[in-house]
């Protein structure tokens, strides 16, 4: 039993050596607003996505551009190669909900309304384009 788990763990470690991930956690933007920008760049080549994010007029685009630059740096550090325009693309980009800050706003006749300030976690995985 232990040998099987050890082999599975070694396979996961080998797979992670060629996986280039960057994460952005607890971003104070609602997941819905972040997904609007994430949908634009998902699946695109890295430098095209950088240009799109640079000129997108949304607040979430700045956070995603920073995350993409971090993912490119992770790729260069991990693989030892320089990122080129034709060999990297955004393999997956997920936006998940994070914790909510719950506040109370005054309402008429002594009541109160709940305000939920949402935040999100973003995970970006880069993939290499194979010319086969």
N, C-alpha and C. Protein backbone atom coordinates (compact mmCIF):
# COMPACT_ATOMS: atom_id res chain seq x y z
N UNK A 1 0.82 -1.20 0.00
CA UNK A 1 0.00 0.00 0.00
C UNK A 1 0.86 1.26 0.00
N UNK A 2 1.88 1.30 0.83
CA UNK A 2 2.72 2.48 0.91
C UNK A 2 3.50 2.69 -0.39
N UNK A 3 3.86 1.61 -1.04
CA UNK A 3 4.62 1.72 -2.29
C UNK A 3 3.78 2.36 -3.39
N UNK A 4 2.50 2.00 -3.44
CA UNK A 4 1.62 2.56 -4.45
C UNK A 4 1.45 4.07 -4.24
N UNK A 5 1.29 4.48 -2.98
CA UNK A 5 1.15 5.91 -2.68
C UNK A 5 2.44 6.66 -3.00
N UNK A 6 3.56 6.03 -2.74
CA UNK A 6 4.85 6.66 -3.05
C UNK A 6 5.02 6.86 -4.56
N UNK A 7 4.63 5.84 -5.33
CA UNK A 7 4.71 5.96 -6.79
C UNK A 7 3.77 7.06 -7.31
N UNK A 8 2.57 7.12 -6.75
CA UNK A 8 1.63 8.15 -7.17
C UNK A 8 2.15 9.54 -6.81
N UNK A 9 2.77 9.67 -5.64
CA UNK A 9 3.32 10.96 -5.23
C UNK A 9 4.47 11.37 -6.15
N UNK A 10 5.31 10.40 -6.53
CA UNK A 10 6.42 10.71 -7.44
C UNK A 10 5.91 11.13 -8.82
N UNK A 11 4.83 10.51 -9.29
CA UNK A 11 4.24 10.91 -10.57
C UNK A 11 3.70 12.34 -10.51
N UNK A 12 3.05 12.68 -9.38
CA UNK A 12 2.54 14.05 -9.20
C UNK A 12 3.68 15.06 -9.18
N UNK A 13 4.77 14.71 -8.51
CA UNK A 13 5.93 15.62 -8.45
C UNK A 13 6.53 15.84 -9.83
N UNK A 14 6.61 14.78 -10.64
CA UNK A 14 7.15 14.91 -12.00
C UNK A 14 6.22 15.76 -12.87
N UNK A 15 4.92 15.59 -12.69
CA UNK A 15 3.97 16.38 -13.47
C UNK A 15 4.04 17.85 -13.07
N UNK A 16 4.28 18.14 -11.81
CA UNK A 16 4.34 19.53 -11.34
C UNK A 16 5.60 20.24 -11.83
N UNK A 17 6.63 19.50 -12.23
CA UNK A 17 7.85 20.13 -12.74
C UNK A 17 7.62 20.83 -14.07
N UNK A 18 6.61 20.38 -14.82
CA UNK A 18 6.31 21.02 -16.11
C UNK A 18 4.99 21.79 -16.08
N UNK A 19 4.50 22.07 -14.87
CA UNK A 19 3.29 22.86 -14.71
C UNK A 19 3.69 24.21 -14.13
N UNK A 20 3.19 25.28 -14.75
CA UNK A 20 3.58 26.63 -14.35
C UNK A 20 2.34 27.35 -13.84
N UNK A 21 2.31 27.56 -12.52
CA UNK A 21 1.12 28.06 -11.85
C UNK A 21 1.42 29.38 -11.15
N UNK A 22 0.44 30.27 -11.13
CA UNK A 22 0.48 31.46 -10.30
C UNK A 22 -0.89 31.63 -9.67
N UNK A 23 -0.91 32.04 -8.41
CA UNK A 23 -2.17 32.22 -7.70
C UNK A 23 -2.24 33.62 -7.11
N UNK A 24 -3.44 34.16 -7.13
CA UNK A 24 -3.71 35.46 -6.54
C UNK A 24 -4.84 35.23 -5.56
N UNK A 25 -4.61 35.52 -4.30
CA UNK A 25 -5.59 35.17 -3.29
C UNK A 25 -6.14 36.42 -2.60
N UNK A 26 -7.42 36.32 -2.21
CA UNK A 26 -8.12 37.38 -1.47
C UNK A 26 -8.08 38.73 -2.18
N UNK A 27 -8.43 38.71 -3.46
CA UNK A 27 -8.52 39.95 -4.24
C UNK A 27 -9.85 40.61 -3.89
N UNK A 28 -9.84 41.89 -3.49
CA UNK A 28 -11.09 42.52 -3.05
C UNK A 28 -11.98 42.98 -4.20
N UNK A 29 -12.25 42.09 -5.13
CA UNK A 29 -13.16 42.32 -6.24
C UNK A 29 -14.13 41.16 -6.26
N UNK A 30 -15.36 41.40 -6.63
CA UNK A 30 -16.31 40.30 -6.64
C UNK A 30 -15.92 39.30 -7.72
N UNK A 31 -16.16 38.01 -7.49
CA UNK A 31 -15.80 36.99 -8.48
C UNK A 31 -16.49 37.20 -9.82
N UNK A 32 -17.70 37.73 -9.81
CA UNK A 32 -18.43 37.95 -11.05
C UNK A 32 -17.72 38.97 -11.94
N UNK A 33 -17.23 40.05 -11.34
CA UNK A 33 -16.52 41.07 -12.10
C UNK A 33 -15.17 40.55 -12.60
N UNK A 34 -14.50 39.73 -11.80
CA UNK A 34 -13.21 39.18 -12.21
C UNK A 34 -13.39 38.17 -13.34
N UNK A 35 -14.47 37.40 -13.31
CA UNK A 35 -14.71 36.41 -14.36
C UNK A 35 -14.96 37.06 -15.72
N UNK A 36 -15.56 38.25 -15.73
CA UNK A 36 -15.78 38.95 -16.98
C UNK A 36 -14.47 39.20 -17.72
N UNK A 37 -13.44 39.59 -16.98
CA UNK A 37 -12.13 39.85 -17.58
C UNK A 37 -11.40 38.54 -17.86
N UNK A 38 -11.55 37.56 -16.97
CA UNK A 38 -10.87 36.27 -17.14
C UNK A 38 -11.37 35.56 -18.40
N UNK A 39 -12.63 35.69 -18.71
CA UNK A 39 -13.18 35.04 -19.90
C UNK A 39 -12.58 35.60 -21.19
N UNK A 40 -12.15 36.86 -21.14
CA UNK A 40 -11.58 37.48 -22.34
C UNK A 40 -10.24 36.86 -22.70
N UNK A 41 -9.41 36.54 -21.69
CA UNK A 41 -8.04 36.11 -21.97
C UNK A 41 -7.82 34.60 -21.85
N UNK A 42 -8.80 33.86 -21.39
CA UNK A 42 -8.62 32.42 -21.20
C UNK A 42 -8.34 31.73 -22.54
N UNK A 43 -7.25 30.94 -22.60
CA UNK A 43 -6.90 30.20 -23.81
C UNK A 43 -6.04 30.98 -24.79
N UNK A 44 -5.77 32.24 -24.54
CA UNK A 44 -4.99 33.06 -25.46
C UNK A 44 -3.49 32.86 -25.24
N UNK A 45 -2.69 33.25 -26.25
CA UNK A 45 -1.24 33.27 -26.07
C UNK A 45 -0.90 34.36 -25.06
N UNK A 46 0.23 34.16 -24.37
CA UNK A 46 0.56 34.99 -23.22
C UNK A 46 0.72 36.47 -23.57
N UNK A 47 1.45 36.78 -24.62
CA UNK A 47 1.71 38.18 -24.92
C UNK A 47 0.49 38.88 -25.53
N UNK A 48 -0.37 38.13 -26.22
CA UNK A 48 -1.63 38.70 -26.68
C UNK A 48 -2.52 39.02 -25.48
N UNK A 49 -2.52 38.12 -24.50
CA UNK A 49 -3.32 38.33 -23.30
C UNK A 49 -2.81 39.55 -22.52
N UNK A 50 -1.49 39.73 -22.46
CA UNK A 50 -0.94 40.91 -21.78
C UNK A 50 -1.41 42.20 -22.44
N UNK A 51 -1.40 42.23 -23.78
CA UNK A 51 -1.87 43.42 -24.49
C UNK A 51 -3.35 43.66 -24.25
N UNK A 52 -4.13 42.59 -24.25
CA UNK A 52 -5.57 42.74 -24.01
C UNK A 52 -5.81 43.30 -22.61
N UNK A 53 -5.10 42.76 -21.61
CA UNK A 53 -5.30 43.21 -20.24
C UNK A 53 -4.83 44.64 -20.04
N UNK A 54 -3.75 45.02 -20.73
CA UNK A 54 -3.22 46.37 -20.57
C UNK A 54 -4.24 47.42 -21.03
N UNK A 55 -5.02 47.10 -22.07
CA UNK A 55 -5.94 48.08 -22.62
C UNK A 55 -7.40 47.81 -22.29
N UNK A 56 -7.65 46.90 -21.36
CA UNK A 56 -9.02 46.65 -20.90
C UNK A 56 -9.35 47.66 -19.81
N UNK A 57 -10.50 48.29 -19.94
CA UNK A 57 -10.88 49.36 -19.02
C UNK A 57 -11.70 48.81 -17.85
N UNK A 58 -11.14 47.85 -17.14
CA UNK A 58 -11.79 47.29 -15.96
C UNK A 58 -10.76 47.25 -14.84
N UNK A 59 -11.20 47.39 -13.61
CA UNK A 59 -10.29 47.37 -12.48
C UNK A 59 -9.64 45.99 -12.29
N UNK A 60 -10.39 44.95 -12.59
CA UNK A 60 -9.88 43.58 -12.42
C UNK A 60 -8.76 43.26 -13.40
N UNK A 61 -8.67 43.99 -14.51
CA UNK A 61 -7.64 43.72 -15.51
C UNK A 61 -6.24 43.98 -14.96
N UNK A 62 -6.10 44.96 -14.09
CA UNK A 62 -4.80 45.24 -13.48
C UNK A 62 -4.31 44.09 -12.63
N UNK A 63 -5.20 43.50 -11.85
CA UNK A 63 -4.83 42.36 -11.01
C UNK A 63 -4.46 41.15 -11.86
N UNK A 64 -5.22 40.91 -12.94
CA UNK A 64 -4.93 39.77 -13.80
C UNK A 64 -3.63 39.97 -14.58
N UNK A 65 -3.33 41.21 -14.96
CA UNK A 65 -2.07 41.47 -15.65
C UNK A 65 -0.88 41.18 -14.73
N UNK A 66 -0.99 41.60 -13.49
CA UNK A 66 0.05 41.33 -12.50
C UNK A 66 0.23 39.82 -12.30
N UNK A 67 -0.89 39.10 -12.23
CA UNK A 67 -0.84 37.65 -12.07
C UNK A 67 -0.20 36.97 -13.28
N UNK A 68 -0.51 37.44 -14.48
CA UNK A 68 0.06 36.86 -15.69
C UNK A 68 1.56 37.10 -15.75
N UNK A 69 2.00 38.27 -15.35
CA UNK A 69 3.45 38.54 -15.29
C UNK A 69 4.14 37.62 -14.30
N UNK A 70 3.48 37.35 -13.19
CA UNK A 70 4.03 36.43 -12.19
C UNK A 70 4.11 35.01 -12.75
N UNK A 71 3.09 34.58 -13.49
CA UNK A 71 3.09 33.24 -14.08
C UNK A 71 4.21 33.11 -15.11
N UNK A 72 4.46 34.17 -15.90
CA UNK A 72 5.55 34.15 -16.88
C UNK A 72 6.89 34.03 -16.16
N UNK A 73 7.05 34.79 -15.07
CA UNK A 73 8.29 34.71 -14.29
C UNK A 73 8.48 33.31 -13.69
N UNK A 74 7.38 32.69 -13.24
CA UNK A 74 7.46 31.33 -12.71
C UNK A 74 7.90 30.36 -13.80
N UNK A 75 7.39 30.54 -15.01
CA UNK A 75 7.78 29.69 -16.14
C UNK A 75 9.27 29.83 -16.43
N UNK A 76 9.76 31.08 -16.48
CA UNK A 76 11.17 31.30 -16.80
C UNK A 76 12.08 30.74 -15.71
N UNK A 77 11.67 30.87 -14.46
CA UNK A 77 12.48 30.37 -13.35
C UNK A 77 12.50 28.84 -13.32
N UNK A 78 11.34 28.24 -13.55
CA UNK A 78 11.21 26.78 -13.42
C UNK A 78 11.81 26.03 -14.61
N UNK A 79 11.60 26.56 -15.82
CA UNK A 79 12.07 25.84 -17.00
C UNK A 79 13.45 26.26 -17.45
N UNK A 80 13.87 27.47 -17.10
CA UNK A 80 15.16 27.97 -17.55
C UNK A 80 15.12 28.56 -18.95
N UNK A 81 13.95 28.57 -19.58
CA UNK A 81 13.78 29.15 -20.91
C UNK A 81 13.24 30.57 -20.79
N UNK A 82 13.46 31.34 -21.85
CA UNK A 82 12.88 32.68 -21.91
C UNK A 82 11.51 32.56 -22.58
N UNK A 83 10.53 33.26 -22.03
CA UNK A 83 9.18 33.22 -22.60
C UNK A 83 9.18 33.89 -23.96
N UNK A 84 8.65 33.18 -24.96
CA UNK A 84 8.55 33.73 -26.30
C UNK A 84 7.09 33.78 -26.70
N UNK A 85 6.82 34.57 -27.72
CA UNK A 85 5.42 34.82 -28.11
C UNK A 85 4.73 33.57 -28.64
N UNK A 86 5.47 32.61 -29.15
CA UNK A 86 4.83 31.48 -29.81
C UNK A 86 4.86 30.18 -29.01
N UNK A 87 5.32 30.21 -27.75
CA UNK A 87 5.42 28.94 -27.04
C UNK A 87 4.63 28.85 -25.74
N UNK A 88 3.94 29.91 -25.32
CA UNK A 88 3.18 29.87 -24.07
C UNK A 88 1.75 30.34 -24.29
N UNK A 89 0.82 29.70 -23.59
CA UNK A 89 -0.58 30.14 -23.62
C UNK A 89 -1.19 29.91 -22.25
N UNK A 90 -2.33 30.53 -22.01
CA UNK A 90 -3.02 30.37 -20.73
C UNK A 90 -3.85 29.10 -20.81
N UNK A 91 -3.38 28.07 -20.14
CA UNK A 91 -4.02 26.76 -20.19
C UNK A 91 -5.34 26.76 -19.43
N UNK A 92 -5.31 27.27 -18.21
CA UNK A 92 -6.56 27.39 -17.45
C UNK A 92 -6.49 28.62 -16.56
N UNK A 93 -7.64 29.20 -16.35
CA UNK A 93 -7.76 30.40 -15.53
C UNK A 93 -9.06 30.28 -14.76
N UNK A 94 -8.96 30.07 -13.46
CA UNK A 94 -10.16 29.87 -12.65
C UNK A 94 -10.30 31.00 -11.64
N UNK A 95 -11.53 31.42 -11.43
CA UNK A 95 -11.85 32.45 -10.45
C UNK A 95 -12.83 31.84 -9.47
N UNK A 96 -12.42 31.74 -8.22
CA UNK A 96 -13.26 31.15 -7.18
C UNK A 96 -13.59 32.20 -6.12
N UNK A 97 -14.70 32.04 -5.49
CA UNK A 97 -15.08 32.96 -4.42
C UNK A 97 -14.23 32.75 -3.19
N UNK A 98 -13.96 33.82 -2.48
CA UNK A 98 -13.20 33.75 -1.23
C UNK A 98 -14.11 34.22 -0.09
N UNK A 99 -13.53 34.65 0.98
CA UNK A 99 -14.34 35.07 2.12
C UNK A 99 -15.11 36.36 1.81
N UNK A 100 -16.19 36.54 2.53
CA UNK A 100 -16.99 37.75 2.38
C UNK A 100 -16.92 38.55 3.68
N UNK A 101 -16.73 39.85 3.53
CA UNK A 101 -16.83 40.74 4.69
C UNK A 101 -18.31 41.11 4.81
N UNK A 102 -18.88 40.85 5.97
CA UNK A 102 -20.31 41.11 6.15
C UNK A 102 -20.48 42.37 6.98
N UNK A 103 -21.21 43.32 6.41
CA UNK A 103 -21.44 44.60 7.06
C UNK A 103 -22.94 44.85 7.13
N UNK A 104 -23.33 45.79 7.95
CA UNK A 104 -24.74 46.12 8.10
C UNK A 104 -24.95 47.58 7.72
N UNK A 105 -25.99 47.81 6.92
CA UNK A 105 -26.34 49.15 6.50
C UNK A 105 -27.71 49.50 7.09
N UNK A 106 -27.86 50.72 7.51
CA UNK A 106 -29.13 51.14 8.10
C UNK A 106 -30.21 51.16 7.03
N UNK A 107 -31.39 50.76 7.42
CA UNK A 107 -32.55 50.72 6.53
C UNK A 107 -33.71 51.46 7.21
N UNK A 108 -34.76 51.75 6.47
CA UNK A 108 -35.88 52.51 7.06
C UNK A 108 -36.58 51.76 8.19
N UNK A 109 -37.17 52.51 9.08
CA UNK A 109 -38.00 52.01 10.18
C UNK A 109 -37.22 51.10 11.13
N UNK A 110 -35.97 51.44 11.37
CA UNK A 110 -35.16 50.71 12.36
C UNK A 110 -34.67 49.36 11.92
N UNK A 111 -34.77 49.07 10.63
CA UNK A 111 -34.30 47.78 10.15
C UNK A 111 -32.84 47.90 9.71
N UNK A 112 -32.27 46.75 9.31
CA UNK A 112 -30.89 46.74 8.81
C UNK A 112 -30.81 45.81 7.61
N UNK A 113 -29.98 46.20 6.65
CA UNK A 113 -29.73 45.35 5.49
C UNK A 113 -28.29 44.86 5.54
N UNK A 114 -28.11 43.63 5.10
CA UNK A 114 -26.78 43.03 5.10
C UNK A 114 -26.05 43.42 3.81
N UNK A 115 -24.81 43.87 3.94
CA UNK A 115 -23.95 44.16 2.80
C UNK A 115 -22.85 43.11 2.79
N UNK A 116 -22.69 42.43 1.65
CA UNK A 116 -21.64 41.41 1.53
C UNK A 116 -20.57 41.93 0.59
N UNK A 117 -19.38 42.20 1.13
CA UNK A 117 -18.26 42.64 0.32
C UNK A 117 -17.48 41.39 -0.08
N UNK A 118 -17.59 41.03 -1.33
CA UNK A 118 -17.04 39.77 -1.80
C UNK A 118 -15.58 39.91 -2.22
N UNK A 119 -14.86 38.80 -2.16
CA UNK A 119 -13.48 38.75 -2.66
C UNK A 119 -13.30 37.42 -3.38
N UNK A 120 -12.15 37.24 -4.05
CA UNK A 120 -11.98 36.04 -4.85
C UNK A 120 -10.55 35.54 -4.85
N UNK A 121 -10.38 34.30 -5.29
CA UNK A 121 -9.08 33.68 -5.52
C UNK A 121 -8.98 33.39 -7.01
N UNK A 122 -7.82 33.70 -7.62
CA UNK A 122 -7.60 33.45 -9.04
C UNK A 122 -6.41 32.51 -9.18
N UNK A 123 -6.56 31.47 -9.99
CA UNK A 123 -5.48 30.53 -10.26
C UNK A 123 -5.26 30.48 -11.77
N UNK A 124 -3.99 30.67 -12.18
CA UNK A 124 -3.63 30.68 -13.60
C UNK A 124 -2.59 29.60 -13.85
N UNK A 125 -2.84 28.78 -14.87
CA UNK A 125 -1.90 27.73 -15.25
C UNK A 125 -1.49 28.00 -16.70
N UNK A 126 -0.18 28.06 -16.94
CA UNK A 126 0.33 28.25 -18.28
C UNK A 126 0.70 26.92 -18.89
N UNK A 127 0.55 26.79 -20.19
CA UNK A 127 0.92 25.59 -20.91
C UNK A 127 1.85 25.94 -22.06
N UNK A 128 2.67 24.98 -22.43
CA UNK A 128 3.58 25.18 -23.56
C UNK A 128 2.93 24.65 -24.83
N UNK A 129 3.10 25.38 -25.92
CA UNK A 129 2.61 24.94 -27.21
C UNK A 129 3.67 24.03 -27.82
N UNK A 130 3.28 22.81 -28.12
CA UNK A 130 4.23 21.88 -28.74
C UNK A 130 4.07 21.91 -30.23
N UNK A 131 5.16 22.07 -30.95
CA UNK A 131 5.14 22.11 -32.40
C UNK A 131 5.43 20.72 -32.94
N UNK A 132 4.42 19.88 -32.93
CA UNK A 132 4.61 18.50 -33.39
C UNK A 132 3.84 18.24 -34.66
